Amino acid sequence: MVVLLLAGVPHVARADTAAPGNLRVLEVTRTTATLAWDAAPGDVFSYEISLPDRVWRIVPGTRTTKVIDNLTPGRAYRWKVAARDQDMRLSPPSNEVVVTPPAYPADTTPPGAPGAPEVTATTANTATLRWTAATDDVGVQFYEIYDGEELVGSASGLSGTVQGLRAGAQHSFSVLAVDLAWNWGPRGPSTGARTRPGTDRPVGAAHVVARSDDIPWGLVFLPDGSALFAERDTFRIHRVTRAGTKTLVGTVPEVDGLRGEDGVLGLEYRDGWLYVFHTRASDSAIVRFRYRGGLDVASRQIVLAGIPRGVNHNGGRLRFGPDGKLYATTGENQRGELAQDLKSLAGKVLRMNPDGSVPSDNPFPGSFVFSYGHRNPQGLAFDSRGRLWVAEFGHYELDEVNLVRPGGNYGWPYCEGPCGRFADPVWTFRTFDASPSGLTIVDDVLYAATTKGNRLCRIPIGGQPQQYFVGHYGRIRTVEATPSGNLWLTSSNQDGIHQPGGDDNVVVEVRLTRSGAAADAVHTGAS
């Protein structure tokens, strides 16, 4: 794994090379556009395709075409492309092209109801269904699957598998269609099926432990087996027992939020102290409080302050490592150049002693920086070998799960995904399939909570990712291992609203068969 130190290189410095020429549009559909351009002279590291206010895609310097997907029909896009040389300097931009993907026809008519689903297979905790297509005057976007009155999954085609079902129980499945204009159709007839007794390997039944009218974000278990979770926008912290009893234990003081992805974020617990990552008026801070059955606000100590904060991309996850040090993720506040600046705490994984001092063995003497070149990392977990894994949100192309080495540079904003010059990710995901936030490890299997992907990803070390609960709980923000080796998840389906209401955000317990998890955990020494 190559680590390249590029701290201090300005993100906007201009290269001596000329701009790419003749940017043009080869093809347009409702959701994609294919762009091409003439190669810039010289040794090009990457090309950046930009809108007037942001970088939109980054591609390797060996490519001069790009299919840009996930576009919004009817929206006008104004693109230019610039070349970045091997010293990471950016050329002037090319000519501009304007693309407006065709809009869908006006559509106020909901789709019809699908036919009754056919259950093609069941296990203890899953059911596989297929159904006939619903009719629509424009087109169906996806289908929602219900068990009784509960939404348990979604599918883009005419079949799907739902997970987390109660074993040895009777279930009643029905399906409805959602069209391209987001009109919901009626549910079709239901079909009954019984799951077998027992439990599936490795992911079994799931059930809701508690509900929240805000955004449950940080989650940490206490020595007695109960858990604390933080609400991002109300700044409150609740204690929840496995039986579902929820108790307010305190409100974090001096929090400034309610603008975007800010507020009370990560939690961690160690030796009677509750550690909290939160945003303040001009920075982000990690603080700690004595926890004595409640939040002792008077005992508050600042562990680390001066972390740059933004409306978005604040990172915010906390995790104690097996070395007894506290690790924290920070985002680059949508200022990519901060991720490469070793003098800034933004866009980093930080490492500190529990009292907030700098460990003597940190990779950069006198600095909290453990690794850099991160965009918006929100997942931290350690495997049985003490290795640190980090999940982070990609830009518009690829999310990453990285195996983090001390002093490693993970490439943002110069590349997204593997590029061979920085520390490459071990796994990548399309951003609309994942957007990973929380991360935990049980028996050397990674479990990643995904927001935009609305699913839990199970990733055996050395194996291939598997997907669970697609569309069931919505945006899954956090996943943590319980003391008994199961999982708790939290959802965050009101992101951006900043107003408590409803109870569609949940804390969910997922049963794991630990022997199943251990069986496919392969130590490969991945790097």
Protein backbone atom coordinates (compact mmCIF):
# COMPACT_ATOMS: atom_id res chain seq x y z
CA MET A 1 0.00 0.00 0.00
CA VAL A 2 1.58 3.25 -1.13
CA VAL A 3 1.29 6.25 1.17
CA LEU A 4 1.99 9.62 -0.45
CA LEU A 5 2.39 12.75 1.66
CA LEU A 6 0.91 15.73 -0.13
CA ALA A 7 0.12 17.99 2.81
CA GLY A 8 0.22 21.66 1.99
CA VAL A 9 -0.46 21.25 -1.75
CA PRO A 10 -3.24 23.80 -2.47
CA HIS A 11 -6.36 22.24 -3.92
CA VAL A 12 -6.83 25.13 -6.35
CA ALA A 13 -3.23 25.54 -7.58
CA ARG A 14 -3.03 25.75 -11.37
CA ALA A 15 -0.97 23.35 -13.42
CA ASP A 16 1.31 24.38 -16.27
CA THR A 17 -0.55 22.00 -18.58
CA ALA A 18 -3.33 23.21 -20.84
CA ALA A 19 -6.98 22.50 -20.18
CA PRO A 20 -8.69 19.46 -21.70
CA GLY A 21 -10.35 20.44 -24.97
CA ASN A 22 -13.57 19.84 -26.84
CA LEU A 23 -15.81 18.73 -23.98
CA ARG A 24 -18.89 17.28 -25.66
CA VAL A 25 -22.00 15.22 -25.02
CA LEU A 26 -22.27 11.83 -26.70
CA GLU A 27 -25.61 10.60 -25.32
CA VAL A 28 -28.34 11.66 -22.91
CA THR A 29 -31.09 9.63 -21.24
CA ARG A 30 -33.46 10.64 -18.47
CA THR A 31 -30.95 9.71 -15.77
CA THR A 32 -27.54 9.57 -17.53
CA ALA A 33 -25.26 11.65 -19.71
CA THR A 34 -22.15 10.44 -21.54
CA LEU A 35 -19.41 13.05 -21.78
CA ALA A 36 -16.14 12.97 -23.77
CA TRP A 37 -13.19 15.33 -24.08
CA ASP A 38 -9.78 15.56 -25.72
CA ALA A 39 -6.91 14.55 -23.47
CA ALA A 40 -4.91 17.30 -21.84
CA PRO A 41 -1.20 17.31 -22.71
CA GLY A 42 1.29 15.97 -20.19
CA ASP A 43 1.08 13.30 -17.51
CA VAL A 44 -2.45 13.65 -16.14
CA PHE A 45 -3.30 12.13 -12.75
CA SER A 46 -7.06 12.69 -12.91
CA TYR A 47 -9.85 14.68 -14.53
CA GLU A 48 -12.43 16.58 -12.48
CA ILE A 49 -15.88 17.11 -13.98
CA SER A 50 -17.44 20.11 -12.26
CA LEU A 51 -20.63 22.10 -11.99
CA PRO A 52 -20.32 25.84 -11.30
CA ASP A 53 -20.42 25.25 -7.53
CA ARG A 54 -18.88 21.82 -6.99
CA VAL A 55 -16.82 18.94 -8.30
CA TRP A 56 -19.27 16.38 -9.66
CA ARG A 57 -17.12 13.40 -10.69
CA ILE A 58 -13.42 12.45 -10.56
CA VAL A 59 -11.99 9.98 -13.10
CA PRO A 60 -8.46 8.61 -13.67
CA GLY A 61 -6.18 10.50 -16.03
CA THR A 62 -6.19 7.58 -18.47
CA ARG A 63 -9.88 8.12 -19.28
CA THR A 64 -11.42 10.74 -21.54
CA THR A 65 -15.07 9.64 -21.37
CA LYS A 66 -17.50 9.29 -18.50
CA VAL A 67 -21.07 8.06 -18.16
CA ILE A 68 -22.59 10.19 -15.40
CA ASP A 69 -25.57 8.45 -13.85
CA ASN A 70 -28.15 9.12 -11.14
CA LEU A 71 -29.16 12.42 -12.73
CA THR A 72 -32.47 14.16 -12.06
CA PRO A 73 -34.77 14.29 -15.10
CA GLY A 74 -35.56 17.85 -16.15
CA ARG A 75 -32.67 19.45 -14.26
CA ALA A 76 -30.11 21.51 -16.20
CA TYR A 77 -26.46 20.57 -15.61
CA ARG A 78 -23.61 22.89 -16.66
CA TRP A 79 -20.35 20.91 -16.82
CA LYS A 80 -16.69 21.70 -17.38
CA VAL A 81 -13.68 19.40 -17.03
CA ALA A 82 -10.17 20.17 -15.74
CA ALA A 83 -7.01 18.07 -15.55
CA ARG A 84 -4.97 17.46 -12.40
CA ASP A 85 -1.27 16.77 -12.97
CA GLN A 86 0.98 14.40 -11.02
CA ASP A 87 1.80 17.18 -8.56
CA MET A 88 -1.94 17.53 -7.88
CA ARG A 89 -2.15 20.95 -9.55
CA LEU A 90 -5.36 21.72 -11.42
CA SER A 91 -5.49 23.05 -14.97
CA PRO A 92 -7.86 25.75 -16.21
CA PRO A 93 -11.29 24.37 -17.13
CA SER A 94 -12.47 23.28 -20.55
CA ASN A 95 -15.38 24.70 -22.47
CA GLU A 96 -18.79 24.30 -20.84
CA VAL A 97 -21.57 21.97 -21.97
CA VAL A 98 -25.16 22.19 -20.78
CA VAL A 99 -27.26 19.03 -20.47
CA THR A 100 -30.90 18.79 -19.43
CA PRO A 101 -32.08 15.17 -19.20
CA PRO A 102 -35.65 14.82 -20.49
CA ALA A 103 -38.26 15.13 -17.77
CA TYR A 104 -40.82 12.45 -17.17
CA PRO A 105 -44.33 13.31 -18.37
CA ALA A 106 -46.57 14.94 -15.79
CA ASP A 107 -48.06 12.14 -13.74
CA THR A 108 -50.68 12.38 -11.02
CA THR A 109 -52.16 8.92 -11.58
CA PRO A 110 -50.98 6.28 -9.11
CA PRO A 111 -50.06 2.82 -10.35
CA GLY A 112 -52.42 -0.08 -10.05
CA ALA A 113 -52.10 -2.87 -7.52
CA PRO A 114 -49.79 -5.81 -8.19
CA GLY A 115 -51.23 -9.29 -7.98
CA ALA A 116 -51.01 -11.39 -4.85
CA PRO A 117 -47.35 -12.32 -4.25
CA GLU A 118 -46.24 -15.92 -4.52
CA VAL A 119 -43.97 -17.14 -1.74
CA THR A 120 -41.27 -19.19 -3.45
CA ALA A 121 -39.09 -19.97 -0.41
CA THR A 122 -38.99 -19.47 3.33
CA THR A 123 -36.42 -20.01 6.06
CA ALA A 124 -36.62 -19.32 9.76
CA ASN A 125 -36.17 -15.57 9.28
CA THR A 126 -36.65 -14.87 5.54
CA ALA A 127 -39.23 -15.16 2.79
CA THR A 128 -38.65 -14.88 -0.95
CA LEU A 129 -41.55 -13.51 -2.99
CA ARG A 130 -42.46 -12.81 -6.59
CA TRP A 131 -45.43 -10.94 -8.01
CA THR A 132 -46.98 -9.68 -11.23
CA ALA A 133 -46.25 -6.18 -12.45
CA ALA A 134 -48.47 -3.24 -11.57
CA THR A 135 -49.78 -1.12 -14.43
CA ASP A 136 -48.86 2.58 -14.68
CA ASP A 137 -49.27 5.21 -17.37
CA VAL A 138 -45.60 6.29 -17.14
CA GLY A 139 -43.65 3.62 -15.33
CA VAL A 140 -43.08 1.87 -12.00
CA GLN A 141 -39.98 2.89 -10.05
CA PHE A 142 -39.97 0.21 -7.32
CA TYR A 143 -42.19 -2.00 -5.17
CA GLU A 144 -42.69 -2.00 -1.40
CA ILE A 145 -43.24 -5.28 0.45
CA TYR A 146 -45.40 -5.43 3.57
CA ASP A 147 -45.86 -8.01 6.30
CA GLY A 148 -49.27 -7.11 7.67
CA GLU A 149 -49.05 -3.34 8.19
CA GLU A 150 -45.24 -3.22 8.49
CA LEU A 151 -42.99 -2.25 5.59
CA VAL A 152 -40.38 -5.03 5.45
CA GLY A 153 -38.56 -4.47 2.16
CA SER A 154 -38.43 -3.02 -1.33
CA ALA A 155 -37.38 -4.22 -4.76
CA SER A 156 -36.84 -2.67 -8.18
CA GLY A 157 -37.99 -5.81 -9.99
CA LEU A 158 -40.77 -8.37 -9.60
CA SER A 159 -39.21 -10.41 -6.82
CA GLY A 160 -37.52 -9.83 -3.50
CA THR A 161 -36.38 -11.41 -0.24
CA VAL A 162 -37.23 -9.96 3.14
CA GLN A 163 -35.11 -10.64 6.23
CA GLY A 164 -35.46 -10.38 9.96
CA LEU A 165 -38.81 -12.18 10.17
CA ARG A 166 -39.91 -13.88 13.36
CA ALA A 167 -39.28 -17.61 13.21
CA GLY A 168 -42.05 -20.20 13.46
CA ALA A 169 -44.72 -17.55 12.85
CA GLN A 170 -47.48 -16.86 10.35
CA HIS A 171 -46.87 -13.87 8.08
CA SER A 172 -49.13 -12.03 5.62
CA PHE A 173 -47.33 -10.46 2.64
CA SER A 174 -48.61 -7.87 0.19
CA VAL A 175 -46.97 -5.55 -2.34
CA LEU A 176 -47.59 -2.04 -3.68
CA ALA A 177 -46.00 -0.07 -6.52
CA VAL A 178 -44.40 3.41 -6.51
CA ASP A 179 -44.22 5.13 -9.88
CA LEU A 180 -41.61 7.48 -11.31
CA ALA A 181 -43.49 10.54 -10.02
CA TRP A 182 -43.55 9.08 -6.49
CA ASN A 183 -47.23 8.21 -6.58
CA TRP A 184 -47.99 5.29 -4.26
CA GLY A 185 -50.47 2.74 -5.54
CA PRO A 186 -52.79 0.53 -3.48
CA ARG A 187 -51.58 -2.68 -1.94
CA GLY A 188 -52.49 -5.83 -3.77
CA PRO A 189 -54.00 -8.98 -2.23
CA SER A 190 -52.08 -10.65 0.58
CA THR A 191 -50.54 -14.11 0.73
CA GLY A 192 -49.89 -16.04 3.93
CA ALA A 193 -46.75 -18.01 4.73
CA ARG A 194 -45.17 -19.53 7.84
CA THR A 195 -41.50 -19.33 8.64
CA ARG A 196 -39.86 -22.45 10.06
CA PRO A 197 -38.70 -22.70 13.69
CA GLY A 198 -35.08 -22.03 14.60
CA THR A 199 -32.79 -19.30 13.36
CA ASP A 200 -30.94 -18.49 10.16
CA ARG A 201 -27.21 -18.28 9.80
CA PRO A 202 -25.75 -15.76 10.18
CA VAL A 203 -28.41 -12.99 10.36
CA GLY A 204 -31.63 -13.94 12.06
CA ALA A 205 -34.70 -12.22 13.43
CA ALA A 206 -34.99 -8.48 14.02
CA HIS A 207 -37.35 -6.52 16.24
CA VAL A 208 -37.81 -2.88 17.25
CA VAL A 209 -36.47 -2.16 20.73
CA ALA A 210 -37.37 1.54 20.97
CA ARG A 211 -38.57 4.49 18.90
CA SER A 212 -37.45 8.09 18.65
CA ASP A 213 -39.08 11.28 17.36
CA ASP A 214 -35.65 12.67 16.43
CA ILE A 215 -32.43 11.39 14.76
CA PRO A 216 -30.79 8.63 16.84
CA TRP A 217 -27.07 8.96 16.03
CA GLY A 218 -24.49 7.84 18.60
CA LEU A 219 -25.09 4.52 20.38
CA VAL A 220 -22.98 2.88 23.09
CA PHE A 221 -23.51 0.00 25.51
CA LEU A 222 -23.03 0.28 29.26
CA PRO A 223 -21.58 -2.42 31.55
CA ASP A 224 -25.06 -3.47 32.68
CA GLY A 225 -26.06 -4.36 29.08
CA SER A 226 -28.31 -1.36 28.52
CA ALA A 227 -27.41 1.26 25.94
CA LEU A 228 -27.29 5.02 25.57
CA PHE A 229 -28.26 6.75 22.34
CA ALA A 230 -27.94 10.40 21.38
CA GLU A 231 -30.53 12.39 19.44
CA ARG A 232 -28.72 14.63 16.98
CA ASP A 233 -31.14 17.55 16.84
CA THR A 234 -32.64 17.61 20.36
CA PHE A 235 -29.21 17.10 22.01
CA ARG A 236 -30.81 14.58 24.39
CA ILE A 237 -29.34 11.27 25.53
CA HIS A 238 -31.58 8.33 26.40
CA ARG A 239 -30.93 5.03 28.14
CA VAL A 240 -32.63 1.98 26.62
CA THR A 241 -32.84 -1.49 28.09
CA ARG A 242 -33.07 -4.59 25.93
CA ALA A 243 -36.70 -4.87 27.05
CA GLY A 244 -37.33 -1.47 25.44
CA THR A 245 -37.62 0.77 28.49
CA LYS A 246 -36.42 4.24 27.43
CA THR A 247 -35.35 6.88 29.96
CA LEU A 248 -34.02 10.39 29.38
CA VAL A 249 -30.67 10.70 31.18
CA GLY A 250 -29.66 14.21 30.19
CA THR A 251 -29.21 16.92 27.57
CA VAL A 252 -25.75 17.85 26.29
CA PRO A 253 -24.98 21.55 26.95
CA GLU A 254 -23.34 24.08 24.63
CA VAL A 255 -24.41 22.30 21.42
CA ASP A 256 -24.95 24.32 18.24
CA GLY A 257 -26.86 22.47 15.53
CA LEU A 258 -30.05 22.42 13.49
CA ARG A 259 -28.38 23.57 10.27
CA GLY A 260 -27.45 20.31 8.56
CA GLU A 261 -25.44 17.30 9.68
CA ASP A 262 -24.54 18.88 13.01
CA GLY A 263 -25.60 18.51 16.63
CA VAL A 264 -24.86 15.65 19.04
CA LEU A 265 -23.12 12.88 17.11
CA GLY A 266 -20.93 10.03 18.40
CA LEU A 267 -20.87 8.48 21.87
CA GLU A 268 -18.31 6.28 23.62
CA TYR A 269 -18.05 4.98 27.20
CA ARG A 270 -15.03 4.04 29.27
CA ASP A 271 -14.38 3.77 33.02
CA GLY A 272 -17.40 5.77 34.16
CA TRP A 273 -16.97 8.52 31.56
CA LEU A 274 -19.36 9.15 28.69
CA TYR A 275 -17.55 10.73 25.73
CA VAL A 276 -19.60 12.89 23.35
CA PHE A 277 -18.72 14.39 19.95
CA HIS A 278 -20.81 17.48 19.20
CA THR A 279 -20.75 20.69 17.20
CA ARG A 280 -20.48 24.10 18.83
CA ALA A 281 -20.95 27.64 17.52
CA SER A 282 -17.51 27.84 15.89
CA ASP A 283 -16.03 24.35 16.11
CA SER A 284 -16.65 20.73 17.01
CA ALA A 285 -15.54 19.29 20.32
CA ILE A 286 -15.14 15.98 22.10
CA VAL A 287 -16.23 16.26 25.73
CA ARG A 288 -16.74 13.79 28.53
CA PHE A 289 -19.12 13.59 31.49
CA ARG A 290 -19.27 11.34 34.49
CA TYR A 291 -22.15 8.94 34.03
CA ARG A 292 -23.78 7.98 37.33
CA GLY A 293 -27.14 6.65 36.21
CA GLY A 294 -27.54 9.97 34.45
CA LEU A 295 -25.47 12.62 32.74
CA ASP A 296 -23.48 14.56 35.36
CA VAL A 297 -23.35 17.88 33.50
CA ALA A 298 -21.27 19.53 36.24
CA SER A 299 -18.44 17.02 35.65
CA ARG A 300 -18.01 18.06 32.00
CA GLN A 301 -14.45 18.10 30.70
CA ILE A 302 -13.28 19.15 27.24
CA VAL A 303 -11.18 16.35 25.76
CA LEU A 304 -10.46 18.04 22.41
CA ALA A 305 -11.78 21.31 20.96
CA GLY A 306 -10.99 23.26 17.82
CA ILE A 307 -12.10 20.59 15.35
CA PRO A 308 -13.36 22.46 12.26
CA ARG A 309 -17.12 22.21 11.84
CA GLY A 310 -19.39 22.76 8.89
CA VAL A 311 -23.05 22.55 8.03
CA ASN A 312 -22.28 19.12 6.56
CA HIS A 313 -19.42 16.60 6.63
CA ASN A 314 -18.59 16.69 10.33
CA GLY A 315 -17.70 13.00 10.76
CA GLY A 316 -18.38 12.45 14.44
CA ARG A 317 -17.83 8.78 15.33
CA LEU A 318 -15.91 7.81 18.49
CA ARG A 319 -14.29 4.46 19.32
CA PHE A 320 -11.81 3.24 21.93
CA GLY A 321 -9.17 1.00 20.40
CA PRO A 322 -7.59 -2.10 21.93
CA ASP A 323 -4.60 0.14 22.73
CA GLY A 324 -6.74 2.17 25.12
CA LYS A 325 -6.63 5.25 22.90
CA LEU A 326 -9.71 7.18 21.78
CA TYR A 327 -10.20 7.43 18.00
CA ALA A 328 -12.48 9.97 16.31
CA THR A 329 -13.52 10.63 12.73
CA THR A 330 -13.80 14.15 11.34
CA GLY A 331 -15.21 15.31 8.02
CA GLU A 332 -13.69 17.95 5.78
CA ASN A 333 -16.70 20.31 6.06
CA GLN A 334 -17.11 20.22 2.23
CA ARG A 335 -13.67 21.87 1.92
CA GLY A 336 -11.65 19.13 0.27
CA GLU A 337 -8.30 20.85 0.73
CA LEU A 338 -8.58 20.46 4.52
CA ALA A 339 -8.38 16.67 4.18
CA GLN A 340 -4.80 16.99 2.86
CA ASP A 341 -3.70 19.69 5.34
CA LEU A 342 -1.86 18.05 8.25
CA LYS A 343 -2.26 21.26 10.27
CA SER A 344 -6.05 20.87 10.18
CA LEU A 345 -8.07 18.35 12.22
CA ALA A 346 -10.70 18.11 9.46
CA GLY A 347 -10.95 15.15 7.08
CA LYS A 348 -9.00 12.92 9.45
CA VAL A 349 -9.02 10.00 11.83
CA LEU A 350 -7.75 11.38 15.14
CA ARG A 351 -6.08 9.44 17.97
CA MET A 352 -5.79 10.71 21.53
CA ASN A 353 -5.34 9.64 25.12
CA PRO A 354 -8.58 9.46 27.15
CA ASP A 355 -7.71 12.79 28.83
CA GLY A 356 -7.24 14.53 25.47
CA SER A 357 -3.44 14.58 25.33
CA VAL A 358 -1.49 13.53 22.24
CA PRO A 359 -0.08 9.98 22.41
CA SER A 360 3.69 9.89 22.13
CA ASP A 361 3.55 7.20 19.42
CA ASN A 362 1.21 9.01 17.02
CA PRO A 363 2.50 8.96 13.42
CA PHE A 364 2.97 12.75 13.27
CA PRO A 365 4.77 13.91 16.46
CA GLY A 366 2.71 16.30 18.55
CA SER A 367 -0.36 15.86 16.33
CA PHE A 368 -3.68 14.12 16.91
CA VAL A 369 -3.74 13.07 13.23
CA PHE A 370 -3.67 9.30 12.76
CA SER A 371 -4.66 9.24 9.07
CA TYR A 372 -5.78 11.84 6.55
CA GLY A 373 -7.25 12.35 3.09
CA HIS A 374 -10.75 11.38 4.29
CA ARG A 375 -13.94 12.99 3.01
CA ASN A 376 -16.65 12.27 5.60
CA PRO A 377 -15.80 9.14 7.61
CA GLN A 378 -18.45 8.02 10.09
CA GLY A 379 -17.62 4.35 10.73
CA LEU A 380 -14.87 3.08 13.04
CA ALA A 381 -14.25 -0.52 14.13
CA PHE A 382 -11.37 -2.76 15.19
CA ASP A 383 -10.97 -6.42 14.24
CA SER A 384 -9.49 -9.22 16.36
CA ARG A 385 -5.98 -8.35 15.18
CA GLY A 386 -6.32 -4.77 16.37
CA ARG A 387 -6.59 -3.37 12.84
CA LEU A 388 -8.67 -0.25 12.31
CA TRP A 389 -11.40 -0.23 9.64
CA VAL A 390 -13.10 3.00 8.57
CA ALA A 391 -16.22 3.52 6.44
CA GLU A 392 -16.67 6.84 4.70
CA PHE A 393 -19.11 8.58 2.41
CA GLY A 394 -17.96 8.96 -1.18
CA HIS A 395 -18.64 11.98 -3.34
CA TYR A 396 -21.05 11.02 -6.14
CA GLU A 397 -19.29 7.88 -7.31
CA LEU A 398 -17.83 5.47 -4.75
CA ASP A 399 -18.15 4.97 -1.01
CA GLU A 400 -15.18 3.36 0.70
CA VAL A 401 -14.31 0.91 3.46
CA ASN A 402 -10.64 1.41 4.30
CA LEU A 403 -8.13 -0.51 6.34
CA VAL A 404 -6.38 2.38 8.05
CA ARG A 405 -2.65 2.45 8.71
CA PRO A 406 -0.88 5.02 10.92
CA GLY A 407 0.00 8.06 8.82
CA GLY A 408 -1.93 6.83 5.77
CA ASN A 409 -3.22 9.21 3.11
CA TYR A 410 -6.58 8.05 1.70
CA GLY A 411 -6.62 10.36 -1.28
CA TRP A 412 -9.50 12.81 -0.94
CA PRO A 413 -10.03 15.21 -2.70
CA TYR A 414 -7.66 13.97 -5.40
CA CYS A 415 -9.35 10.64 -6.06
CA GLU A 416 -12.43 8.66 -5.13
CA GLY A 417 -12.08 4.90 -4.79
CA PRO A 418 -8.85 3.13 -5.83
CA CYS A 419 -6.33 5.14 -7.80
CA GLY A 420 -3.03 3.36 -7.07
CA ARG A 421 -1.15 6.34 -5.72
CA PHE A 422 -2.72 6.70 -2.30
CA ALA A 423 -3.94 4.10 0.18
CA ASP A 424 -6.63 2.27 -1.79
CA PRO A 425 -9.89 1.13 -0.18
CA VAL A 426 -10.51 -2.57 0.45
CA TRP A 427 -14.17 -2.33 -0.65
CA THR A 428 -16.10 0.27 -2.60
CA PHE A 429 -19.83 0.73 -3.17
CA ARG A 430 -21.86 2.97 -5.47
CA THR A 431 -23.01 5.91 -3.42
CA PHE A 432 -26.72 5.37 -4.13
CA ASP A 433 -26.41 1.72 -3.01
CA ALA A 434 -24.70 2.47 0.28
CA SER A 435 -23.54 5.80 1.81
CA PRO A 436 -22.11 3.99 4.86
CA SER A 437 -22.26 5.59 8.29
CA GLY A 438 -21.85 3.31 11.32
CA LEU A 439 -19.51 0.31 11.36
CA THR A 440 -19.00 -2.53 13.83
CA ILE A 441 -17.27 -5.92 13.80
CA VAL A 442 -18.49 -9.23 15.23
CA ASP A 443 -16.26 -12.31 14.87
CA ASP A 444 -14.20 -10.52 12.21
CA VAL A 445 -17.23 -9.76 10.06
CA LEU A 446 -17.87 -6.08 9.33
CA TYR A 447 -21.41 -4.73 9.54
CA ALA A 448 -21.96 -1.34 7.88
CA ALA A 449 -25.06 0.82 8.35
CA THR A 450 -25.99 2.61 5.13
CA THR A 451 -28.15 5.70 4.78
CA LYS A 452 -28.91 6.26 1.10
CA GLY A 453 -28.74 2.50 0.49
CA ASN A 454 -31.34 1.81 3.22
CA ARG A 455 -29.70 -1.49 4.12
CA LEU A 456 -27.28 -3.29 6.40
CA CYS A 457 -24.15 -4.58 4.66
CA ARG A 458 -22.45 -7.66 6.06
CA ILE A 459 -18.81 -7.92 4.91
CA PRO A 460 -16.70 -10.93 5.92
CA ILE A 461 -13.04 -9.96 5.99
CA GLY A 462 -11.65 -11.46 2.80
CA GLY A 463 -15.16 -12.11 1.46
CA GLN A 464 -17.89 -10.37 -0.50
CA PRO A 465 -20.51 -7.98 0.88
CA GLN A 466 -24.04 -9.22 1.52
CA GLN A 467 -27.15 -7.07 1.92
CA TYR A 468 -29.91 -7.25 4.52
CA PHE A 469 -33.09 -5.31 5.35
CA VAL A 470 -33.14 -3.43 2.03
CA GLY A 471 -35.81 -0.75 2.33
CA HIS A 472 -37.06 -2.12 5.64
CA TYR A 473 -35.99 0.53 8.16
CA GLY A 474 -35.09 3.33 5.77
CA ARG A 475 -31.81 5.19 6.35
CA ILE A 476 -29.73 3.11 8.76
CA ARG A 477 -27.34 5.44 10.56
CA THR A 478 -25.64 3.39 13.26
CA VAL A 479 -24.82 -0.24 13.98
CA GLU A 480 -23.19 -1.48 17.18
CA ALA A 481 -22.41 -4.93 18.57
CA THR A 482 -24.21 -5.83 21.77
CA PRO A 483 -22.33 -7.39 24.70
CA SER A 484 -23.85 -10.77 23.73
CA GLY A 485 -22.68 -10.54 20.11
CA ASN A 486 -25.85 -9.38 18.38
CA LEU A 487 -26.46 -6.03 16.68
CA TRP A 488 -28.40 -2.89 17.44
CA LEU A 489 -29.24 -0.53 14.56
CA THR A 490 -30.61 3.00 14.54
CA SER A 491 -32.44 4.65 11.65
CA SER A 492 -32.42 8.34 10.69
CA ASN A 493 -35.36 8.95 8.40
CA GLN A 494 -35.89 12.63 9.21
CA ASP A 495 -32.41 13.89 8.26
CA GLY A 496 -32.61 17.54 7.27
CA ILE A 497 -35.99 18.22 8.88
CA HIS A 498 -34.63 19.39 12.29
CA GLN A 499 -38.02 19.16 13.92
CA PRO A 500 -39.00 16.30 16.21
CA GLY A 501 -42.16 14.50 15.21
CA GLY A 502 -43.44 11.02 14.53
CA ASP A 503 -41.81 7.81 15.61
CA ASP A 504 -40.47 6.36 12.36
CA ASN A 505 -36.89 6.35 13.67
CA VAL A 506 -36.16 3.19 15.56
CA VAL A 507 -33.59 1.24 17.54
CA VAL A 508 -33.61 -2.36 16.28
CA GLU A 509 -32.03 -5.53 17.65
CA VAL A 510 -30.81 -8.07 15.06
CA ARG A 511 -30.00 -11.60 16.19
CA LEU A 512 -26.76 -13.12 14.91
CA THR A 513 -25.70 -16.74 14.87
CA ARG A 514 -22.13 -16.28 16.00
CA SER A 515 -20.91 -19.65 14.77
CA GLY A 516 -22.14 -18.66 11.32
CA ALA A 517 -20.29 -15.38 11.49
CA ALA A 518 -17.08 -17.05 12.62
CA ALA A 519 -17.28 -19.71 9.92
CA ASP A 520 -16.82 -17.29 7.04
CA ALA A 521 -14.52 -14.78 8.73
CA VAL A 522 -11.28 -15.20 6.79
CA HIS A 523 -8.06 -13.52 7.85
CA THR A 524 -6.33 -12.48 4.66
CA GLY A 525 -4.02 -9.73 5.85
CA ALA A 526 -5.84 -7.39 3.47
CA SER A 527 -4.10 -4.09 2.93
